[in-house]
C-alpha atoms as a PDB file:
ATOM      1  CA  MET A   1       0.000   0.000   0.000  1.00  0.00           C
ATOM      2  CA  ALA A   2       1.361   3.332  -1.060  1.00  0.00           C
ATOM      3  CA  LEU A   3       1.493   5.963   1.705  1.00  0.00           C
ATOM      4  CA  PRO A   4       1.261   9.681   1.212  1.00  0.00           C
ATOM      5  CA  ALA A   5       4.522  11.544   1.392  1.00  0.00           C
ATOM      6  CA  GLY A   6       5.510  12.600   4.880  1.00  0.00           C
ATOM      7  CA  LEU A   7       3.650   9.763   6.698  1.00  0.00           C
ATOM      8  CA  LEU A   8       5.257   6.922   8.555  1.00  0.00           C
ATOM      9  CA  LEU A   9       3.667   3.549   9.259  1.00  0.00           C
ATOM     10  CA  ARG A  10       4.147   2.281  12.793  1.00  0.00           C
ATOM     11  CA  HIS A  11       3.048  -1.127  14.088  1.00  0.00           C
ATOM     12  CA  SER A  12       1.863  -1.423  17.680  1.00  0.00           C
ATOM     13  CA  GLY A  13       0.354  -4.862  18.266  1.00  0.00           C
ATOM     14  CA  LYS A  14      -2.648  -5.139  15.963  1.00  0.00           C
ATOM     15  CA  THR A  15      -3.013  -1.380  15.550  1.00  0.00           C
ATOM     16  CA  LEU A  16      -1.533   0.541  12.678  1.00  0.00           C
ATOM     17  CA  THR A  17      -0.845   4.189  13.494  1.00  0.00           C
ATOM     18  CA  LEU A  18      -0.099   6.843  10.912  1.00  0.00           C
ATOM     19  CA  THR A  19       2.171   9.597  12.257  1.00  0.00           C
ATOM     20  CA  SER A  20       3.239  12.685  10.417  1.00  0.00           C
ATOM     21  CA  SER A  21       6.994  12.923  10.106  1.00  0.00           C
ATOM     22  CA  TRP A  22       6.575  16.732   9.944  1.00  0.00           C
ATOM     23  CA  SER A  23       4.858  16.740  13.358  1.00  0.00           C
ATOM     24  CA  CYS A  24       7.643  14.653  14.862  1.00  0.00           C
ATOM     25  CA  SER A  25      10.240  16.958  13.408  1.00  0.00           C
ATOM     26  CA  ARG A  26       8.328  20.033  14.636  1.00  0.00           C
ATOM     27  CA  ARG A  27       8.068  18.680  18.187  1.00  0.00           C
ATOM     28  CA  ALA A  28      11.742  17.824  18.175  1.00  0.00           C
ATOM     29  CA  THR A  29      12.657  21.322  17.020  1.00  0.00           C
ATOM     30  CA  LEU A  30      10.508  23.004  19.682  1.00  0.00           C
ATOM     31  CA  SER A  31      11.868  20.708  22.365  1.00  0.00           C
ATOM     32  CA  SER A  32      15.424  21.504  21.307  1.00  0.00           C
ATOM     33  CA  ALA A  33      14.728  25.252  21.295  1.00  0.00           C
ATOM     34  CA  SER A  34      13.140  25.014  24.722  1.00  0.00           C
ATOM     35  CA  CYS A  35      16.211  23.256  26.084  1.00  0.00           C
ATOM     36  CA  CYS A  36      18.461  25.914  24.603  1.00  0.00           C
ATOM     37  CA  CYS A  37      16.364  28.685  26.202  1.00  0.00           C
ATOM     38  CA  ARG A  38      16.554  26.958  29.548  1.00  0.00           C
ATOM     39  CA  GLN A  39      20.291  26.632  29.180  1.00  0.00           C
ATOM     40  CA  ARG A  40      20.728  30.318  28.247  1.00  0.00           C
ATOM     41  CA  LYS A  41      18.626  31.551  31.180  1.00  0.00           C
ATOM     42  CA  GLN A  42      20.822  32.868  33.951  1.00  0.00           C
ATOM     43  CA  ALA A  43      20.761  31.185  37.289  1.00  0.00           C
ATOM     44  CA  PRO A  44      18.875  33.167  39.945  1.00  0.00           C
ATOM     45  CA  ALA A  45      20.951  35.347  42.202  1.00  0.00           C
ATOM     46  CA  PRO A  46      21.627  33.824  45.608  1.00  0.00           C
ATOM     47  CA  PRO A  47      19.439  35.350  48.304  1.00  0.00           C
ATOM     48  CA  PRO A  48      21.136  37.732  50.733  1.00  0.00           C
ATOM     49  CA  ARG A  49      22.293  36.530  54.083  1.00  0.00           C
ATOM     50  CA  SER A  50      19.753  36.687  56.867  1.00  0.00           C
ATOM     51  CA  PRO A  51      20.249  39.698  59.137  1.00  0.00           C
ATOM     52  CA  LYS A  52      21.929  39.115  62.422  1.00  0.00           C
ATOM     53  CA  LYS A  53      19.863  38.408  65.522  1.00  0.00           C
ATOM     54  CA  VAL A  54      20.547  40.203  68.779  1.00  0.00           C
ATOM     55  CA  PRO A  55      18.703  39.025  71.906  1.00  0.00           C
ATOM     56  CA  PHE A  56      16.249  41.670  73.102  1.00  0.00           C
ATOM     57  CA  ARG A  57      13.275  41.411  75.408  1.00  0.00           C
ATOM     58  CA  VAL A  58      10.599  43.943  76.212  1.00  0.00           C
ATOM     59  CA  LEU A  59       7.713  43.806  78.682  1.00  0.00           C
ATOM     60  CA  VAL A  60       4.374  44.888  77.123  1.00  0.00           C
ATOM     61  CA  HIS A  61       1.098  44.676  79.041  1.00  0.00           C
ATOM     62  CA  GLY A  62       2.590  42.137  81.419  1.00  0.00           C
ATOM     63  CA  LYS A  63       3.913  39.910  78.621  1.00  0.00           C
ATOM     64  CA  THR A  64       7.543  39.459  77.703  1.00  0.00           C
ATOM     65  CA  LEU A  65       8.168  39.712  73.965  1.00  0.00           C
ATOM     66  CA  GLU A  66      11.358  38.802  72.156  1.00  0.00           C
ATOM     67  CA  ASP A  67      12.488  40.896  69.228  1.00  0.00           C
ATOM     68  CA  PRO A  68      15.876  39.807  67.849  1.00  0.00           C
ATOM     69  CA  TYR A  69      15.650  42.496  65.148  1.00  0.00           C
ATOM     70  CA  HIS A  70      15.156  45.414  67.527  1.00  0.00           C
ATOM     71  CA  TRP A  71      18.670  46.576  66.669  1.00  0.00           C
ATOM     72  CA  MET A  72      17.302  47.720  63.287  1.00  0.00           C
ATOM     73  CA  SER A  73      15.543  50.614  65.034  1.00  0.00           C
ATOM     74  CA  ASN A  74      18.962  52.251  65.241  1.00  0.00           C
ATOM     75  CA  THR A  75      19.265  53.699  61.755  1.00  0.00           C
ATOM     76  CA  ASP A  76      22.890  54.675  62.420  1.00  0.00           C
ATOM     77  CA  ASP A  77      23.940  51.035  62.778  1.00  0.00           C
ATOM     78  CA  PRO A  78      26.287  50.237  59.822  1.00  0.00           C
ATOM     79  CA  ASN A  79      25.044  46.644  59.782  1.00  0.00           C
ATOM     80  CA  LEU A  80      21.562  47.894  58.914  1.00  0.00           C
ATOM     81  CA  LEU A  81      22.803  49.870  55.925  1.00  0.00           C
ATOM     82  CA  ASP A  82      24.861  46.912  54.748  1.00  0.00           C
ATOM     83  CA  HIS A  83      21.836  44.608  55.001  1.00  0.00           C
ATOM     84  CA  LEU A  84      19.653  47.035  53.006  1.00  0.00           C
ATOM     85  CA  HIS A  85      22.292  47.238  50.268  1.00  0.00           C
ATOM     86  CA  ARG A  86      22.368  43.443  50.010  1.00  0.00           C
ATOM     87  CA  GLU A  87      18.574  43.276  49.858  1.00  0.00           C
ATOM     88  CA  ASN A  88      18.463  45.909  47.108  1.00  0.00           C
ATOM     89  CA  SER A  89      21.167  44.155  45.111  1.00  0.00           C
ATOM     90  CA  TYR A  90      19.305  40.862  45.337  1.00  0.00           C
ATOM     91  CA  ALA A  91      16.030  42.502  44.264  1.00  0.00           C
ATOM     92  CA  GLU A  92      17.704  44.146  41.256  1.00  0.00           C
ATOM     93  CA  ALA A  93      19.313  40.883  40.164  1.00  0.00           C
ATOM     94  CA  PHE A  94      16.091  38.917  40.652  1.00  0.00           C
ATOM     95  CA  MET A  95      14.078  41.381  38.531  1.00  0.00           C
ATOM     96  CA  ALA A  96      16.768  42.035  35.927  1.00  0.00           C
ATOM     97  CA  ASP A  97      14.929  40.135  33.167  1.00  0.00           C
ATOM     98  CA  ALA A  98      11.860  42.336  33.731  1.00  0.00           C
ATOM     99  CA  LEU A  99      13.657  45.680  33.249  1.00  0.00           C
ATOM    100  CA  PRO A 100      12.290  46.234  29.712  1.00  0.00           C
ATOM    101  CA  LEU A 101       8.749  45.605  30.939  1.00  0.00           C
ATOM    102  CA  GLN A 102       9.273  47.914  33.931  1.00  0.00           C
ATOM    103  CA  SER A 103      10.492  50.689  31.636  1.00  0.00           C
ATOM    104  CA  ALA A 104       7.564  50.206  29.276  1.00  0.00           C
ATOM    105  CA  LEU A 105       5.020  50.322  32.112  1.00  0.00           C
ATOM    106  CA  ALA A 106       6.645  53.379  33.686  1.00  0.00           C
ATOM    107  CA  SER A 107       6.649  55.208  30.356  1.00  0.00           C
ATOM    108  CA  GLU A 108       3.014  54.349  29.704  1.00  0.00           C
ATOM    109  CA  MET A 109       1.895  55.515  33.158  1.00  0.00           C
ATOM    110  CA  LYS A 110       3.916  58.717  32.794  1.00  0.00           C
ATOM    111  CA  ARG A 111       2.215  59.477  29.477  1.00  0.00           C
ATOM    112  CA  ARG A 112      -1.183  59.189  31.167  1.00  0.00           C
ATOM    113  CA  ILE A 113      -0.328  61.731  33.899  1.00  0.00           C
ATOM    114  CA  PRO A 114      -0.999  65.374  32.980  1.00  0.00           C
ATOM    115  CA  ALA A 115       2.133  67.497  32.713  1.00  0.00           C
ATOM    116  CA  ALA A 116       0.666  70.104  35.073  1.00  0.00           C
ATOM    117  CA  VAL A 117      -1.820  69.353  37.840  1.00  0.00           C
ATOM    118  CA  SER A 118      -3.640  72.184  39.622  1.00  0.00           C
ATOM    119  CA  THR A 119      -6.567  72.688  41.955  1.00  0.00           C
ATOM    120  CA  PRO A 120      -9.466  75.028  41.213  1.00  0.00           C
ATOM    121  CA  PRO A 121      -8.842  78.463  42.769  1.00  0.00           C
ATOM    122  CA  GLU A 122     -10.593  79.186  46.057  1.00  0.00           C
ATOM    123  CA  ARG A 123     -11.771  82.746  46.630  1.00  0.00           C
ATOM    124  CA  TRP A 124     -11.038  84.181  50.080  1.00  0.00           C
ATOM    125  CA  GLY A 125     -11.345  87.895  50.507  1.00  0.00           C
ATOM    126  CA  PRO A 126      -9.529  89.689  47.674  1.00  0.00           C
ATOM    127  CA  TRP A 127      -7.350  86.673  46.897  1.00  0.00           C
ATOM    128  CA  MET A 128      -7.653  83.529  44.818  1.00  0.00           C
ATOM    129  CA  TYR A 129      -5.749  80.645  46.461  1.00  0.00           C
ATOM    130  CA  TYR A 130      -4.742  77.503  44.572  1.00  0.00           C
ATOM    131  CA  GLN A 131      -2.094  74.769  44.337  1.00  0.00           C
ATOM    132  CA  TYR A 132      -0.375  73.231  41.373  1.00  0.00           C
ATOM    133  CA  ILE A 133       2.451  70.783  40.705  1.00  0.00           C
ATOM    134  CA  PRO A 134       5.046  72.305  38.340  1.00  0.00           C
ATOM    135  CA  GLU A 135       5.992  70.236  35.333  1.00  0.00           C
ATOM    136  CA  GLY A 136       8.848  67.913  36.142  1.00  0.00           C
ATOM    137  CA  LYS A 137       8.465  68.417  39.899  1.00  0.00           C
ATOM    138  CA  GLU A 138       7.226  66.023  42.561  1.00  0.00           C
ATOM    139  CA  TYR A 139       5.643  68.351  45.123  1.00  0.00           C
ATOM    140  CA  PRO A 140       2.978  71.081  44.883  1.00  0.00           C
ATOM    141  CA  VAL A 141       3.269  74.827  45.222  1.00  0.00           C
ATOM    142  CA  LEU A 142       0.814  76.975  47.179  1.00  0.00           C
ATOM    143  CA  CYS A 143       0.033  80.229  45.363  1.00  0.00           C
ATOM    144  CA  ARG A 144      -2.397  83.126  45.336  1.00  0.00           C
ATOM    145  CA  LYS A 145      -3.393  85.967  43.041  1.00  0.00           C
ATOM    146  CA  LEU A 146      -5.467  89.064  43.588  1.00  0.00           C
ATOM    147  CA  GLU A 147      -8.972  88.468  42.285  1.00  0.00           C
ATOM    148  CA  ASN A 148      -9.265  91.919  40.688  1.00  0.00           C
ATOM    149  CA  GLU A 149      -6.355  91.031  38.395  1.00  0.00           C
ATOM    150  CA  SER A 150      -8.550  88.491  36.629  1.00  0.00           C
ATOM    151  CA  SER A 151     -11.721  88.804  34.628  1.00  0.00           C
ATOM    152  CA  GLY A 152     -13.902  86.573  36.762  1.00  0.00           C
ATOM    153  CA  TRP A 153     -13.965  83.002  38.033  1.00  0.00           C
ATOM    154  CA  PRO A 154     -13.925  81.168  34.669  1.00  0.00           C
ATOM    155  CA  ALA A 155     -10.884  83.100  33.470  1.00  0.00           C
ATOM    156  CA  ALA A 156      -9.045  82.441  36.721  1.00  0.00           C
ATOM    157  CA  PHE A 157      -9.903  78.749  36.490  1.00  0.00           C
ATOM    158  CA  ARG A 158      -8.581  78.538  32.943  1.00  0.00           C
ATOM    159  CA  ARG A 159      -5.363  80.282  33.848  1.00  0.00           C
ATOM    160  CA  CYS A 160      -4.803  78.008  36.826  1.00  0.00           C
ATOM    161  CA  GLY A 161      -5.493  74.952  34.731  1.00  0.00           C
ATOM    162  CA  LEU A 162      -3.585  75.790  31.562  1.00  0.00           C
ATOM    163  CA  ALA A 163      -1.110  78.546  32.356  1.00  0.00           C
ATOM    164  CA  ARG A 164       0.099  80.279  35.484  1.00  0.00           C
ATOM    165  CA  PRO A 165      -1.349  83.735  36.267  1.00  0.00           C
ATOM    166  CA  GLU A 166       0.832  86.684  35.309  1.00  0.00           C
ATOM    167  CA  ARG A 167       1.293  88.069  38.844  1.00  0.00           C
ATOM    168  CA  GLU A 168       0.942  85.061  41.079  1.00  0.00           C
ATOM    169  CA  GLU A 169       2.512  85.010  44.508  1.00  0.00           C
ATOM    170  CA  ILE A 170       4.155  81.820  45.728  1.00  0.00           C
ATOM    171  CA  LEU A 171       3.411  81.262  49.406  1.00  0.00           C
ATOM    172  CA  LEU A 172       5.051  77.878  49.941  1.00  0.00           C
ATOM    173  CA  ASP A 173       7.056  75.654  47.610  1.00  0.00           C
ATOM    174  CA  TRP A 174       7.259  72.050  48.810  1.00  0.00           C
ATOM    175  CA  ASN A 175      10.024  71.374  46.263  1.00  0.00           C
ATOM    176  CA  GLU A 176      12.369  73.947  47.817  1.00  0.00           C
ATOM    177  CA  LEU A 177      11.877  72.335  51.221  1.00  0.00           C
ATOM    178  CA  ALA A 178      12.582  68.903  49.758  1.00  0.00           C
ATOM    179  CA  GLU A 179      15.810  70.150  48.155  1.00  0.00           C
ATOM    180  CA  LYS A 180      16.875  71.719  51.448  1.00  0.00           C
ATOM    181  CA  TYR A 181      16.063  68.841  53.792  1.00  0.00           C
ATOM    182  CA  GLY A 182      15.992  65.821  51.484  1.00  0.00           C
ATOM    183  CA  TYR A 183      12.554  64.800  52.739  1.00  0.00           C
ATOM    184  CA  VAL A 184       9.449  66.872  53.367  1.00  0.00           C
ATOM    185  CA  HIS A 185       5.886  66.270  54.488  1.00  0.00           C
ATOM    186  CA  VAL A 186       3.748  69.362  54.957  1.00  0.00           C
ATOM    187  CA  GLY A 187       0.896  68.605  57.332  1.00  0.00           C
ATOM    188  CA  THR A 188      -1.270  71.719  57.739  1.00  0.00           C
ATOM    189  CA  CYS A 189      -1.306  75.157  56.105  1.00  0.00           C
ATOM    190  CA  ARG A 190      -3.330  78.069  57.506  1.00  0.00           C
ATOM    191  CA  VAL A 191      -3.336  81.633  56.153  1.00  0.00           C
ATOM    192  CA  SER A 192      -4.113  84.344  58.699  1.00  0.00           C
ATOM    193  CA  PRO A 193      -7.434  86.241  58.326  1.00  0.00           C
ATOM    194  CA  ASP A 194      -5.579  89.412  57.285  1.00  0.00           C
ATOM    195  CA  HIS A 195      -3.687  87.399  54.609  1.00  0.00           C
ATOM    196  CA  ASN A 196      -0.300  88.510  55.963  1.00  0.00           C
ATOM    197  CA  TYR A 197       0.941  85.284  57.551  1.00  0.00           C
ATOM    198  CA  LEU A 198       1.131  81.607  56.656  1.00  0.00           C
ATOM    199  CA  ALA A 199       1.332  79.055  59.472  1.00  0.00           C
ATOM    200  CA  PHE A 200       2.274  75.539  58.438  1.00  0.00           C
ATOM    201  CA  THR A 201       3.602  72.315  59.947  1.00  0.00           C
ATOM    202  CA  VAL A 202       6.378  70.310  58.325  1.00  0.00           C
ATOM    203  CA  ASP A 203       8.037  66.954  58.981  1.00  0.00           C
ATOM    204  CA  ILE A 204      11.595  66.662  57.628  1.00  0.00           C
ATOM    205  CA  SER A 205      12.612  63.379  59.254  1.00  0.00           C
ATOM    206  CA  GLY A 206       9.819  60.967  58.315  1.00  0.00           C
ATOM    207  CA  ALA A 207       8.949  60.402  61.976  1.00  0.00           C
ATOM    208  CA  GLU A 208       5.517  62.045  61.559  1.00  0.00           C
ATOM    209  CA  ARG A 209       6.463  64.676  64.149  1.00  0.00           C
ATOM    210  CA  PHE A 210       5.743  68.122  62.777  1.00  0.00           C
ATOM    211  CA  MET A 211       7.411  71.456  63.397  1.00  0.00           C
ATOM    212  CA  LEU A 212       5.394  74.680  63.407  1.00  0.00           C
ATOM    213  CA  LYS A 213       6.669  77.505  61.231  1.00  0.00           C
ATOM    214  CA  VAL A 214       5.113  80.915  60.564  1.00  0.00           C
ATOM    215  CA  LYS A 215       6.007  82.871  57.431  1.00  0.00           C
ATOM    216  CA  ASP A 216       5.469  86.594  56.973  1.00  0.00           C
ATOM    217  CA  LEU A 217       3.999  86.806  53.473  1.00  0.00           C
ATOM    218  CA  ARG A 218       4.938  90.477  53.149  1.00  0.00           C
ATOM    219  CA  THR A 219       8.662  89.850  53.618  1.00  0.00           C
ATOM    220  CA  GLY A 220       8.922  86.153  52.836  1.00  0.00           C
ATOM    221  CA  LEU A 221      10.769  85.519  56.115  1.00  0.00           C
ATOM    222  CA  ILE A 222      10.033  82.845  58.714  1.00  0.00           C
ATOM    223  CA  ASP A 223       9.900  84.036  62.326  1.00  0.00           C
ATOM    224  CA  PRO A 224      12.118  81.710  64.411  1.00  0.00           C
ATOM    225  CA  LYS A 225      10.364  82.796  67.629  1.00  0.00           C
ATOM    226  CA  LEU A 226       7.144  81.125  66.532  1.00  0.00           C
ATOM    227  CA  ALA A 227       8.674  77.692  65.923  1.00  0.00           C
ATOM    228  CA  ALA A 228       7.304  74.793  67.986  1.00  0.00           C
ATOM    229  CA  ASP A 229       7.897  71.051  67.868  1.00  0.00           C
ATOM    230  CA  GLY A 230       5.215  68.365  67.947  1.00  0.00           C
ATOM    231  CA  VAL A 231       2.370  70.503  66.554  1.00  0.00           C
ATOM    232  CA  VAL A 232      -0.657  68.834  64.962  1.00  0.00           C
ATOM    233  CA  SER A 233      -3.539  71.240  64.202  1.00  0.00           C
ATOM    234  CA  LEU A 234      -3.697  75.022  63.763  1.00  0.00           C
ATOM    235  CA  ALA A 235      -6.299  77.775  63.910  1.00  0.00           C
ATOM    236  CA  TRP A 236      -5.910  81.550  63.633  1.00  0.00           C
ATOM    237  CA  ALA A 237      -7.789  83.917  65.906  1.00  0.00           C
ATOM    238  CA  ARG A 238      -9.906  86.478  64.097  1.00  0.00           C
ATOM    239  CA  ASP A 239      -7.573  89.311  65.087  1.00  0.00           C
ATOM    240  CA  ALA A 240      -4.795  87.593  63.065  1.00  0.00           C
ATOM    241  CA  THR A 241      -2.274  88.242  65.857  1.00  0.00           C
ATOM    242  CA  SER A 242      -2.888  85.047  67.834  1.00  0.00           C
ATOM    243  CA  LEU A 243      -2.367  81.467  66.695  1.00  0.00           C
ATOM    244  CA  PHE A 244      -3.899  78.455  68.449  1.00  0.00           C
ATOM    245  CA  TYR A 245      -2.249  75.072  68.068  1.00  0.00           C
ATOM    246  CA  THR A 246      -2.329  71.583  69.565  1.00  0.00           C
ATOM    247  CA  LEU A 247       0.777  70.030  71.053  1.00  0.00           C
ATOM    248  CA  SER A 248       1.500  66.280  71.098  1.00  0.00           C
ATOM    249  CA  ASP A 249       3.184  64.266  73.834  1.00  0.00           C
ATOM    250  CA  GLU A 250       5.948  61.650  73.553  1.00  0.00           C
ATOM    251  CA  ASN A 251       3.366  59.196  72.160  1.00  0.00           C
ATOM    252  CA  GLN A 252       2.348  61.707  69.480  1.00  0.00           C
ATOM    253  CA  ARG A 253      -1.041  62.183  71.121  1.00  0.00           C
ATOM    254  CA  PRO A 254      -2.415  65.719  70.703  1.00  0.00           C
ATOM    255  CA  TYR A 255      -3.255  66.542  74.295  1.00  0.00           C
ATOM    256  CA  ARG A 256      -2.813  70.273  74.819  1.00  0.00           C
ATOM    257  CA  VAL A 257      -4.135  73.482  73.240  1.00  0.00           C
ATOM    258  CA  LEU A 258      -1.912  76.568  73.413  1.00  0.00           C
ATOM    259  CA  CYS A 259      -2.195  80.115  72.107  1.00  0.00           C
ATOM    260  CA  ARG A 260       0.772  82.163  70.957  1.00  0.00           C
ATOM    261  CA  ARG A 261       0.905  85.817  70.098  1.00  0.00           C
ATOM    262  CA  LEU A 262       2.900  86.883  67.052  1.00  0.00           C
ATOM    263  CA  GLY A 263       6.363  88.045  67.988  1.00  0.00           C
ATOM    264  CA  CYS A 264       6.354  86.116  71.283  1.00  0.00           C
ATOM    265  CA  GLY A 265       8.335  83.032  72.223  1.00  0.00           C
ATOM    266  CA  PRO A 266       7.058  79.745  73.661  1.00  0.00           C
ATOM    267  CA  SER A 267       7.545  80.983  77.237  1.00  0.00           C
ATOM    268  CA  ASN A 268       4.643  83.385  76.683  1.00  0.00           C
ATOM    269  CA  ASP A 269       2.222  80.743  75.372  1.00  0.00           C
ATOM    270  CA  LEU A 270      -1.240  80.885  76.902  1.00  0.00           C
ATOM    271  CA  PRO A 271      -2.489  77.417  77.950  1.00  0.00           C
ATOM    272  CA  VAL A 272      -6.072  76.874  76.853  1.00  0.00           C
ATOM    273  CA  LEU A 273      -6.830  73.196  77.499  1.00  0.00           C
ATOM    274  CA  THR A 274      -4.951  70.093  78.636  1.00  0.00           C
ATOM    275  CA  GLU A 275      -6.476  66.655  78.114  1.00  0.00           C
ATOM    276  CA  SER A 276      -5.182  64.412  80.902  1.00  0.00           C
ATOM    277  CA  ASP A 277      -7.040  61.272  79.802  1.00  0.00           C
ATOM    278  CA  PRO A 278      -4.564  59.316  77.610  1.00  0.00           C
ATOM    279  CA  SER A 279      -7.430  57.734  75.648  1.00  0.00           C
ATOM    280  CA  PHE A 280      -8.520  61.139  74.263  1.00  0.00           C
ATOM    281  CA  CYS A 281      -6.967  63.355  71.610  1.00  0.00           C
ATOM    282  CA  VAL A 282      -7.736  67.030  71.133  1.00  0.00           C
ATOM    283  CA  ASP A 283      -8.220  68.854  67.863  1.00  0.00           C
ATOM    284  CA  ILE A 284      -9.006  72.468  67.014  1.00  0.00           C
ATOM    285  CA  THR A 285     -10.667  74.101  64.041  1.00  0.00           C
ATOM    286  CA  SER A 286     -12.306  77.388  63.220  1.00  0.00           C
ATOM    287  CA  THR A 287     -15.906  77.911  62.148  1.00  0.00           C
ATOM    288  CA  LYS A 288     -16.568  78.775  58.522  1.00  0.00           C
ATOM    289  CA  ASP A 289     -17.292  82.411  59.335  1.00  0.00           C
ATOM    290  CA  GLY A 290     -14.029  82.628  61.281  1.00  0.00           C
ATOM    291  CA  LYS A 291     -15.701  84.024  64.402  1.00  0.00           C
ATOM    292  CA  PHE A 292     -14.992  81.094  66.727  1.00  0.00           C
ATOM    293  CA  ILE A 293     -12.525  78.314  67.309  1.00  0.00           C
ATOM    294  CA  THR A 294     -13.816  74.933  68.456  1.00  0.00           C
ATOM    295  CA  VAL A 295     -11.968  72.424  70.584  1.00  0.00           C
ATOM    296  CA  ASN A 296     -12.794  68.759  70.101  1.00  0.00           C
ATOM    297  CA  SER A 297     -11.764  65.895  72.381  1.00  0.00           C
ATOM    298  CA  ASN A 298     -12.173  62.464  70.831  1.00  0.00           C
ATOM    299  CA  SER A 299     -11.561  58.838  71.788  1.00  0.00           C
ATOM    300  CA  ARG A 300     -12.317  55.596  69.993  1.00  0.00           C
ATOM    301  CA  THR A 301     -15.743  55.330  71.602  1.00  0.00           C
ATOM    302  CA  SER A 302     -16.844  58.893  72.390  1.00  0.00           C
ATOM    303  CA  SER A 303     -16.252  62.537  71.588  1.00  0.00           C
ATOM    304  CA  GLU A 304     -16.781  65.888  73.262  1.00  0.00           C
ATOM    305  CA  GLU A 305     -17.352  69.044  71.298  1.00  0.00           C
ATOM    306  CA  GLY A 306     -18.662  72.504  71.891  1.00  0.00           C
ATOM    307  CA  THR A 307     -15.954  74.358  73.772  1.00  0.00           C
ATOM    308  CA  TYR A 308     -15.744  77.669  72.024  1.00  0.00           C
ATOM    309  CA  ILE A 309     -12.875  80.087  72.398  1.00  0.00           C
ATOM    310  CA  SER A 310     -13.190  83.823  71.979  1.00  0.00           C
ATOM    311  CA  PRO A 311     -11.521  84.862  68.712  1.00  0.00           C
ATOM    312  CA  PHE A 312      -9.796  87.740  70.482  1.00  0.00           C
ATOM    313  CA  VAL A 313      -7.070  87.387  73.089  1.00  0.00           C
ATOM    314  CA  ASN A 314      -6.935  89.943  75.860  1.00  0.00           C
ATOM    315  CA  GLU A 315      -3.765  91.974  76.194  1.00  0.00           C
END
């Protein structure tokens, strides 16, 4: 019996099986290529050595806990930096074959992000306040512009969204702080009711402990007398010469409300409220009309509100 070209006749018991020689050759080729690919693939990088263990015990709520990695809390320990370098090197070697994909994904995501991002302007008195992220920068910039320099809300919105106003005033540039300190996290920004001062809190260490700074917007200078450490929330009095703020304890719990007059140091702070219950945290805010400042004391299960402070501080 004549067989078509390319077919082989195999005998298996009483069964005759026709097998394509092309299929066999194709499977052999693919198998050979697969073996070659497996041989060319680099061996995975060896994992880094496990960090050292140092015996350490701490008593928490009557229970003794062991933490052999407590030494890592000391960021000045050279062994910690060495361990992080080894971890990073291992991660880079492990993901080396995915670098083209990482670059492609990063480029695609970057193309989808607008070059300039800005917030709609907010009218307050004669000023229009807004924020925007400059092109090529990582952090925002707080700005303002006199409202009478624009031709109404729509025009101001378009300028803030597409191009910067001609005579804008930069109040705070997060990027300058980041260049100065290496790390920056601005917590709260409050402009005084007379629009002459900017009070803000900033964390430059990453410990989530914020420093109070007050900037004179007329001169652009920061008053060192008004600096305070461990500040959480802010509120200006209506007279714009007194600033209320909450102070945190060693556990970063806002527990105290103080009032400071402009030009005065911390020794002249006026104590307003101290929350002695460690399960409560205090917070302050001003009413929308700016006439009063409210003090709130909150816990996980309850809250107290309604203590109102006079917006004026007696001499």
